[in-house]
Amino acid sequence: QAAGAKAPFSVRMSKGVHLLVPRARIR
């Protein structure tokens, strides 16, 4: 858009979530 140009492709966003738990909780 800033370039005022026709987009040759577009990008969609996919959310990836991660969580951290203590090492001792899973053997």
PDB file of all heavy atoms in Angstrom:
ATOM      1  N   GLN A   1       0.832  -1.208   0.000  1.00  0.00           N
ATOM      2  CA  GLN A   1       0.000   0.000   0.000  1.00  0.00           C
ATOM      3  C   GLN A   1       0.862   1.252   0.000  1.00  0.00           C
ATOM      4  O   GLN A   1       0.589   2.224  -0.711  1.00  0.00           O
ATOM      5  CB  GLN A   1      -0.936  -0.009   1.212  1.00  0.00           C
ATOM      6  CG  GLN A   1      -2.017  -1.071   1.134  1.00  0.00           C
ATOM      7  CD  GLN A   1      -2.720  -1.310   2.463  1.00  0.00           C
ATOM      8  OE1 GLN A   1      -2.552  -0.537   3.404  1.00  0.00           O
ATOM      9  NE2 GLN A   1      -3.501  -2.382   2.547  1.00  0.00           N
ATOM     10  N   ALA A   2       1.943   1.242   0.808  1.00  0.00           N
ATOM     11  CA  ALA A   2       2.835   2.403   0.872  1.00  0.00           C
ATOM     12  C   ALA A   2       3.483   2.669  -0.483  1.00  0.00           C
ATOM     13  O   ALA A   2       3.755   3.810  -0.842  1.00  0.00           O
ATOM     14  CB  ALA A   2       3.910   2.188   1.940  1.00  0.00           C
ATOM     15  N   ALA A   3       3.732   1.583  -1.226  1.00  0.00           N
ATOM     16  CA  ALA A   3       4.349   1.727  -2.546  1.00  0.00           C
ATOM     17  C   ALA A   3       3.334   2.145  -3.599  1.00  0.00           C
ATOM     18  O   ALA A   3       3.701   2.496  -4.722  1.00  0.00           O
ATOM     19  CB  ALA A   3       5.008   0.412  -2.956  1.00  0.00           C
ATOM     20  N   GLY A   4       2.038   2.109  -3.240  1.00  0.00           N
ATOM     21  CA  GLY A   4       1.004   2.419  -4.220  1.00  0.00           C
ATOM     22  C   GLY A   4       0.995   1.445  -5.363  1.00  0.00           C
ATOM     23  O   GLY A   4       0.661   1.779  -6.494  1.00  0.00           O
ATOM     24  N   ALA A   5       1.388   0.206  -5.050  1.00  0.00           N
ATOM     25  CA  ALA A   5       1.550  -0.805  -6.100  1.00  0.00           C
ATOM     26  C   ALA A   5       0.508  -1.897  -5.950  1.00  0.00           C
ATOM     27  O   ALA A   5       0.034  -2.186  -4.848  1.00  0.00           O
ATOM     28  CB  ALA A   5       2.947  -1.419  -6.021  1.00  0.00           C
ATOM     29  N   LYS A   6       0.171  -2.504  -7.082  1.00  0.00           N
ATOM     30  CA  LYS A   6      -0.729  -3.655  -7.051  1.00  0.00           C
ATOM     31  C   LYS A   6      -0.010  -4.822  -6.383  1.00  0.00           C
ATOM     32  O   LYS A   6       1.103  -5.184  -6.771  1.00  0.00           O
ATOM     33  CB  LYS A   6      -1.128  -4.029  -8.466  1.00  0.00           C
ATOM     34  CG  LYS A   6      -2.187  -5.118  -8.539  1.00  0.00           C
ATOM     35  CD  LYS A   6      -2.725  -5.210  -9.954  1.00  0.00           C
ATOM     36  CE  LYS A   6      -3.888  -6.194 -10.007  1.00  0.00           C
ATOM     37  NZ  LYS A   6      -3.484  -7.553 -10.227  1.00  0.00           N
ATOM     38  N   ALA A   7      -0.620  -5.401  -5.374  1.00  0.00           N
ATOM     39  CA  ALA A   7       0.034  -6.474  -4.633  1.00  0.00           C
ATOM     40  C   ALA A   7       0.144  -7.726  -5.493  1.00  0.00           C
ATOM     41  O   ALA A   7      -0.871  -8.233  -5.982  1.00  0.00           O
ATOM     42  CB  ALA A   7      -0.751  -6.783  -3.359  1.00  0.00           C
ATOM     43  N   PRO A   8       1.370  -8.252  -5.678  1.00  0.00           N
ATOM     44  CA  PRO A   8       1.529  -9.482  -6.459  1.00  0.00           C
ATOM     45  C   PRO A   8       1.043 -10.708  -5.698  1.00  0.00           C
ATOM     46  O   PRO A   8       0.786 -11.744  -6.280  1.00  0.00           O
ATOM     47  CB  PRO A   8       3.039  -9.554  -6.709  1.00  0.00           C
ATOM     48  CG  PRO A   8       3.638  -8.765  -5.590  1.00  0.00           C
ATOM     49  CD  PRO A   8       2.651  -7.704  -5.224  1.00  0.00           C
ATOM     50  N   PHE A   9       0.971 -10.586  -4.372  1.00  0.00           N
ATOM     51  CA  PHE A   9       0.423 -11.643  -3.515  1.00  0.00           C
ATOM     52  C   PHE A   9       0.029 -10.979  -2.210  1.00  0.00           C
ATOM     53  O   PHE A   9       0.385  -9.824  -1.948  1.00  0.00           O
ATOM     54  CB  PHE A   9       1.446 -12.762  -3.267  1.00  0.00           C
ATOM     55  CG  PHE A   9       2.818 -12.266  -2.900  1.00  0.00           C
ATOM     56  CD1 PHE A   9       3.080 -11.707  -1.650  1.00  0.00           C
ATOM     57  CD2 PHE A   9       3.864 -12.353  -3.813  1.00  0.00           C
ATOM     58  CE1 PHE A   9       4.340 -11.245  -1.327  1.00  0.00           C
ATOM     59  CE2 PHE A   9       5.129 -11.891  -3.495  1.00  0.00           C
ATOM     60  CZ  PHE A   9       5.366 -11.335  -2.247  1.00  0.00           C
ATOM     61  N   SER A  10      -0.734 -11.659  -1.417  1.00  0.00           N
ATOM     62  CA  SER A  10      -1.077 -11.118  -0.102  1.00  0.00           C
ATOM     63  C   SER A  10      -0.727 -12.147   0.959  1.00  0.00           C
ATOM     64  O   SER A  10      -0.483 -13.319   0.669  1.00  0.00           O
ATOM     65  CB  SER A  10      -2.560 -10.753  -0.027  1.00  0.00           C
ATOM     66  OG  SER A  10      -3.365 -11.896  -0.198  1.00  0.00           O
ATOM     67  N   VAL A  11      -0.673 -11.666   2.185  1.00  0.00           N
ATOM     68  CA  VAL A  11      -0.248 -12.493   3.304  1.00  0.00           C
ATOM     69  C   VAL A  11      -1.376 -12.588   4.315  1.00  0.00           C
ATOM     70  O   VAL A  11      -1.998 -11.578   4.670  1.00  0.00           O
ATOM     71  CB  VAL A  11       1.019 -11.875   3.966  1.00  0.00           C
ATOM     72  CG1 VAL A  11       1.327 -12.557   5.286  1.00  0.00           C
ATOM     73  CG2 VAL A  11       2.207 -11.986   3.025  1.00  0.00           C
ATOM     74  N   ARG A  12      -1.654 -13.813   4.742  1.00  0.00           N
ATOM     75  CA  ARG A  12      -2.604 -14.007   5.842  1.00  0.00           C
ATOM     76  C   ARG A  12      -1.862 -14.426   7.087  1.00  0.00           C
ATOM     77  O   ARG A  12      -0.807 -15.059   7.013  1.00  0.00           O
ATOM     78  CB  ARG A  12      -3.637 -15.075   5.456  1.00  0.00           C
ATOM     79  CG  ARG A  12      -4.780 -14.471   4.646  1.00  0.00           C
ATOM     80  CD  ARG A  12      -5.739 -15.516   4.169  1.00  0.00           C
ATOM     81  NE  ARG A  12      -6.350 -16.296   5.218  1.00  0.00           N
ATOM     82  CZ  ARG A  12      -7.130 -17.359   4.976  1.00  0.00           C
ATOM     83  NH1 ARG A  12      -7.355 -17.729   3.737  1.00  0.00           N
ATOM     84  NH2 ARG A  12      -7.669 -18.027   5.964  1.00  0.00           N
ATOM     85  N   MET A  13      -2.431 -14.061   8.218  1.00  0.00           N
ATOM     86  CA  MET A  13      -1.771 -14.328   9.493  1.00  0.00           C
ATOM     87  C   MET A  13      -2.377 -15.549  10.178  1.00  0.00           C
ATOM     88  O   MET A  13      -3.595 -15.662  10.288  1.00  0.00           O
ATOM     89  CB  MET A  13      -1.902 -13.117  10.425  1.00  0.00           C
ATOM     90  CG  MET A  13      -1.233 -11.872   9.910  1.00  0.00           C
ATOM     91  SD  MET A  13      -1.398 -10.494  11.074  1.00  0.00           S
ATOM     92  CE  MET A  13      -3.137 -10.105  10.930  1.00  0.00           C
ATOM     93  N   SER A  14      -1.498 -16.425  10.629  1.00  0.00           N
ATOM     94  CA  SER A  14      -1.905 -17.570  11.430  1.00  0.00           C
ATOM     95  C   SER A  14      -1.206 -17.458  12.778  1.00  0.00           C
ATOM     96  O   SER A  14       0.015 -17.292  12.843  1.00  0.00           O
ATOM     97  CB  SER A  14      -1.501 -18.863  10.726  1.00  0.00           C
ATOM     98  OG  SER A  14      -1.535 -19.958  11.623  1.00  0.00           O
ATOM     99  N   LYS A  15      -1.989 -17.542  13.843  1.00  0.00           N
ATOM    100  CA  LYS A  15      -1.414 -17.405  15.186  1.00  0.00           C
ATOM    101  C   LYS A  15      -0.966 -18.761  15.715  1.00  0.00           C
ATOM    102  O   LYS A  15      -1.715 -19.736  15.674  1.00  0.00           O
ATOM    103  CB  LYS A  15      -2.435 -16.788  16.149  1.00  0.00           C
ATOM    104  CG  LYS A  15      -1.845 -16.542  17.545  1.00  0.00           C
ATOM    105  CD  LYS A  15      -2.803 -15.817  18.479  1.00  0.00           C
ATOM    106  CE  LYS A  15      -3.941 -16.680  18.944  1.00  0.00           C
ATOM    107  NZ  LYS A  15      -4.662 -16.110  20.105  1.00  0.00           N
ATOM    108  N   GLY A  16       0.270 -18.786  16.193  1.00  0.00           N
ATOM    109  CA  GLY A  16       0.808 -19.978  16.832  1.00  0.00           C
ATOM    110  C   GLY A  16       1.149 -19.684  18.287  1.00  0.00           C
ATOM    111  O   GLY A  16       1.964 -18.808  18.566  1.00  0.00           O
ATOM    112  N   VAL A  17       0.519 -20.394  19.196  1.00  0.00           N
ATOM    113  CA  VAL A  17       0.707 -20.167  20.641  1.00  0.00           C
ATOM    114  C   VAL A  17       1.546 -21.282  21.237  1.00  0.00           C
ATOM    115  O   VAL A  17       1.392 -22.457  20.867  1.00  0.00           O
ATOM    116  CB  VAL A  17      -0.660 -20.089  21.350  1.00  0.00           C
ATOM    117  CG1 VAL A  17      -0.496 -20.058  22.873  1.00  0.00           C
ATOM    118  CG2 VAL A  17      -1.432 -18.864  20.883  1.00  0.00           C
ATOM    119  N   HIS A  18       2.445 -20.920  22.150  1.00  0.00           N
ATOM    120  CA  HIS A  18       3.267 -21.887  22.883  1.00  0.00           C
ATOM    121  C   HIS A  18       3.180 -21.584  24.373  1.00  0.00           C
ATOM    122  O   HIS A  18       3.043 -20.425  24.771  1.00  0.00           O
ATOM    123  CB  HIS A  18       4.726 -21.801  22.452  1.00  0.00           C
ATOM    124  CG  HIS A  18       4.961 -22.120  21.010  1.00  0.00           C
ATOM    125  ND1 HIS A  18       4.735 -21.211  19.998  1.00  0.00           N
ATOM    126  CD2 HIS A  18       5.389 -23.260  20.404  1.00  0.00           C
ATOM    127  CE1 HIS A  18       5.012 -21.774  18.834  1.00  0.00           C
ATOM    128  NE2 HIS A  18       5.421 -23.011  19.048  1.00  0.00           N
ATOM    129  N   LEU A  19       3.278 -22.618  25.176  1.00  0.00           N
ATOM    130  CA  LEU A  19       3.353 -22.426  26.626  1.00  0.00           C
ATOM    131  C   LEU A  19       4.571 -23.172  27.153  1.00  0.00           C
ATOM    132  O   LEU A  19       5.076 -24.109  26.523  1.00  0.00           O
ATOM    133  CB  LEU A  19       2.066 -22.885  27.316  1.00  0.00           C
ATOM    134  CG  LEU A  19       1.619 -24.346  27.161  1.00  0.00           C
ATOM    135  CD1 LEU A  19       2.276 -25.237  28.195  1.00  0.00           C
ATOM    136  CD2 LEU A  19       0.099 -24.432  27.303  1.00  0.00           C
ATOM    137  N   LEU A  20       5.065 -22.732  28.320  1.00  0.00           N
ATOM    138  CA  LEU A  20       6.207 -23.364  28.966  1.00  0.00           C
ATOM    139  C   LEU A  20       5.794 -23.892  30.325  1.00  0.00           C
ATOM    140  O   LEU A  20       5.127 -23.184  31.096  1.00  0.00           O
ATOM    141  CB  LEU A  20       7.373 -22.383  29.145  1.00  0.00           C
ATOM    142  CG  LEU A  20       8.244 -22.137  27.908  1.00  0.00           C
ATOM    143  CD1 LEU A  20       7.558 -21.154  26.957  1.00  0.00           C
ATOM    144  CD2 LEU A  20       9.612 -21.581  28.309  1.00  0.00           C
ATOM    145  N   VAL A  21       6.172 -25.145  30.611  1.00  0.00           N
ATOM    146  CA  VAL A  21       5.937 -25.746  31.930  1.00  0.00           C
ATOM    147  C   VAL A  21       7.281 -26.264  32.450  1.00  0.00           C
ATOM    148  O   VAL A  21       8.189 -26.544  31.673  1.00  0.00           O
ATOM    149  CB  VAL A  21       4.897 -26.889  31.869  1.00  0.00           C
ATOM    150  CG1 VAL A  21       3.557 -26.383  31.343  1.00  0.00           C
ATOM    151  CG2 VAL A  21       5.411 -28.048  31.017  1.00  0.00           C
ATOM    152  N   PRO A  22       7.431 -26.388  33.782  1.00  0.00           N
ATOM    153  CA  PRO A  22       8.700 -26.871  34.336  1.00  0.00           C
ATOM    154  C   PRO A  22       9.052 -28.266  33.822  1.00  0.00           C
ATOM    155  O   PRO A  22       8.180 -29.117  33.629  1.00  0.00           O
ATOM    156  CB  PRO A  22       8.446 -26.884  35.850  1.00  0.00           C
ATOM    157  CG  PRO A  22       7.312 -25.949  36.066  1.00  0.00           C
ATOM    158  CD  PRO A  22       6.463 -26.036  34.837  1.00  0.00           C
ATOM    159  N   ARG A  23      10.335 -28.499  33.622  1.00  0.00           N
ATOM    160  CA  ARG A  23      10.826 -29.774  33.091  1.00  0.00           C
ATOM    161  C   ARG A  23      10.374 -30.944  33.977  1.00  0.00           C
ATOM    162  O   ARG A  23      10.073 -32.038  33.490  1.00  0.00           O
ATOM    163  CB  ARG A  23      12.356 -29.711  33.013  1.00  0.00           C
ATOM    164  CG  ARG A  23      13.020 -30.782  32.171  1.00  0.00           C
ATOM    165  CD  ARG A  23      12.800 -30.572  30.675  1.00  0.00           C
ATOM    166  NE  ARG A  23      13.540 -31.543  29.883  1.00  0.00           N
ATOM    167  CZ  ARG A  23      14.732 -31.301  29.338  1.00  0.00           C
ATOM    168  NH1 ARG A  23      15.306 -30.121  29.485  1.00  0.00           N
ATOM    169  NH2 ARG A  23      15.328 -32.235  28.635  1.00  0.00           N
ATOM    170  N   ALA A  24      10.321 -30.711  35.291  1.00  0.00           N
ATOM    171  CA  ALA A  24       9.990 -31.788  36.225  1.00  0.00           C
ATOM    172  C   ALA A  24       8.540 -32.263  36.093  1.00  0.00           C
ATOM    173  O   ALA A  24       8.205 -33.355  36.575  1.00  0.00           O
ATOM    174  CB  ALA A  24      10.255 -31.324  37.657  1.00  0.00           C
ATOM    175  N   ARG A  25       7.677 -31.466  35.438  1.00  0.00           N
ATOM    176  CA  ARG A  25       6.259 -31.840  35.363  1.00  0.00           C
ATOM    177  C   ARG A  25       5.996 -32.954  34.348  1.00  0.00           C
ATOM    178  O   ARG A  25       4.946 -33.602  34.389  1.00  0.00           O
ATOM    179  CB  ARG A  25       5.413 -30.617  35.012  1.00  0.00           C
ATOM    180  CG  ARG A  25       5.120 -29.738  36.186  1.00  0.00           C
ATOM    181  CD  ARG A  25       4.261 -30.424  37.247  1.00  0.00           C
ATOM    182  NE  ARG A  25       2.869 -30.564  36.838  1.00  0.00           N
ATOM    183  CZ  ARG A  25       2.264 -31.698  36.565  1.00  0.00           C
ATOM    184  NH1 ARG A  25       2.913 -32.855  36.615  1.00  0.00           N
ATOM    185  NH2 ARG A  25       0.990 -31.719  36.237  1.00  0.00           N
ATOM    186  N   ILE A  26       6.923 -33.181  33.394  1.00  0.00           N
ATOM    187  CA  ILE A  26       6.740 -34.261  32.423  1.00  0.00           C
ATOM    188  C   ILE A  26       8.031 -35.075  32.387  1.00  0.00           C
ATOM    189  O   ILE A  26       9.098 -34.532  32.097  1.00  0.00           O
ATOM    190  CB  ILE A  26       6.435 -33.716  31.009  1.00  0.00           C
ATOM    191  CG1 ILE A  26       5.244 -32.749  31.034  1.00  0.00           C
ATOM    192  CG2 ILE A  26       6.150 -34.861  30.051  1.00  0.00           C
ATOM    193  CD1 ILE A  26       4.957 -32.096  29.680  1.00  0.00           C
ATOM    194  N   ARG A  27       7.923 -36.355  32.687  1.00  0.00           N
ATOM    195  CA  ARG A  27       9.113 -37.221  32.675  1.00  0.00           C
ATOM    196  C   ARG A  27       9.295 -37.793  31.272  1.00  0.00           C
ATOM    197  O   ARG A  27       8.609 -38.706  30.845  1.00  0.00           O
ATOM    198  CB  ARG A  27       8.967 -38.329  33.719  1.00  0.00           C
ATOM    199  CG  ARG A  27       9.009 -37.820  35.156  1.00  0.00           C
ATOM    200  CD  ARG A  27       8.712 -38.924  36.143  1.00  0.00           C
ATOM    201  NE  ARG A  27       9.690 -40.018  36.047  1.00  0.00           N
ATOM    202  CZ  ARG A  27       9.401 -41.293  36.303  1.00  0.00           C
ATOM    203  NH1 ARG A  27       8.156 -41.640  36.633  1.00  0.00           N
ATOM    204  NH2 ARG A  27      10.352 -42.217  36.215  1.00  0.00           N
TER     205      ARG A  27
END
